[in-house]
Amino acid sequence: MKATIVNFRGGKHTQYTNQMIISPEGVSKREQAEKLVGKAVTFTTKGKKTISGKVASAHGNKGALRVIFEKGMPGQAISEKVDIQ
């Protein structure tokens, strides 16, 4: 399943660079998003390196997901595609 990286997870004064908010294709409700919790996520950079992560929880009521990656993500990753296994 494909998904798009929406933004970093963060608050008013903080930004967690290893946690991203993603929006999966075809998912529009929180109940659908909660079924994807625990799945593996991979991001492939332009240089063909892969950064893997895991879906931690649903984010909001419109089907977004919070993903924790193994290391910090680059800012260029925003609006790029990821794969959910």
Protein backbone atom coordinates (compact mmCIF):
# COMPACT_ATOMS: atom_id res chain seq x y z
CA MET A 1 0.00 0.00 0.00
CA LYS A 2 1.29 3.48 -0.85
CA ALA A 3 1.14 6.50 1.42
CA THR A 4 2.34 10.11 1.31
CA ILE A 5 4.43 11.76 4.02
CA VAL A 6 2.52 14.81 5.24
CA ASN A 7 4.77 16.33 7.90
CA PHE A 8 6.99 15.77 10.92
CA ARG A 9 5.28 15.05 14.23
CA GLY A 10 5.70 18.05 16.46
CA GLY A 11 4.20 20.58 18.77
CA LYS A 12 4.37 24.31 19.13
CA HIS A 13 8.06 24.37 20.14
CA THR A 14 9.27 20.86 19.27
CA GLN A 15 9.81 18.68 16.23
CA TYR A 16 10.44 14.92 16.33
CA THR A 17 12.61 14.21 13.30
CA ASN A 18 12.22 10.43 13.49
CA GLN A 19 8.41 10.55 13.65
CA MET A 20 6.32 11.41 10.59
CA ILE A 21 2.63 11.79 9.86
CA ILE A 22 1.61 9.89 6.71
CA SER A 23 -1.62 9.73 4.76
CA PRO A 24 -2.37 6.30 3.20
CA GLU A 25 -4.18 6.09 -0.12
CA GLY A 26 -7.79 4.91 0.19
CA VAL A 27 -8.01 5.48 3.95
CA SER A 28 -10.32 8.28 5.08
CA LYS A 29 -11.47 7.29 8.58
CA ARG A 30 -9.75 6.64 11.89
CA GLU A 31 -11.26 3.14 12.12
CA GLN A 32 -9.61 2.17 8.81
CA ALA A 33 -6.29 3.67 9.91
CA GLU A 34 -6.26 1.77 13.22
CA LYS A 35 -6.16 -1.53 11.27
CA LEU A 36 -2.72 -0.54 9.92
CA VAL A 37 -1.09 -0.07 13.36
CA GLY A 38 2.00 -2.27 13.71
CA LYS A 39 2.72 -2.56 9.97
CA ALA A 40 6.20 -1.91 8.60
CA VAL A 41 6.91 1.20 6.53
CA THR A 42 9.85 1.79 4.17
CA PHE A 43 11.04 5.05 2.65
CA THR A 44 13.46 4.92 -0.28
CA THR A 45 15.68 7.96 -0.78
CA LYS A 46 16.81 9.29 -4.14
CA GLY A 47 20.13 7.50 -3.57
CA LYS A 48 18.31 4.14 -3.21
CA LYS A 49 18.90 3.89 0.54
CA THR A 50 15.99 2.68 2.61
CA ILE A 51 14.82 3.94 5.99
CA SER A 52 12.41 1.62 7.75
CA GLY A 53 9.84 2.38 10.39
CA LYS A 54 6.71 1.11 12.08
CA VAL A 55 3.17 2.48 12.29
CA ALA A 56 2.66 3.55 15.91
CA SER A 57 -0.91 4.87 15.97
CA ALA A 58 -3.67 6.66 14.12
CA HIS A 59 -3.41 10.45 14.02
CA GLY A 60 -6.61 12.46 13.98
CA ASN A 61 -9.96 11.43 12.55
CA LYS A 62 -9.21 11.58 8.80
CA GLY A 63 -7.15 8.41 8.48
CA ALA A 64 -3.61 9.73 9.00
CA LEU A 65 -0.98 7.58 10.71
CA ARG A 66 1.97 8.31 13.00
CA VAL A 67 5.11 6.40 11.98
CA ILE A 68 8.28 6.05 14.05
CA PHE A 69 11.36 5.61 11.84
CA GLU A 70 14.68 4.12 12.95
CA LYS A 71 16.53 7.41 12.49
CA GLY A 72 15.82 11.04 11.69
CA MET A 73 14.17 11.78 8.37
CA PRO A 74 15.38 14.48 5.97
CA GLY A 75 13.16 17.47 5.28
CA GLN A 76 13.12 16.51 1.60
CA ALA A 77 11.03 13.45 2.55
CA ILE A 78 7.90 15.57 3.00
CA SER A 79 5.37 14.91 0.20
CA GLU A 80 7.28 11.79 -0.92
CA LYS A 81 5.79 8.28 -1.16
CA VAL A 82 6.37 5.42 1.29
CA ASP A 83 5.40 1.74 1.18
CA ILE A 84 3.31 0.08 3.90
CA GLN A 85 3.72 -3.73 4.12
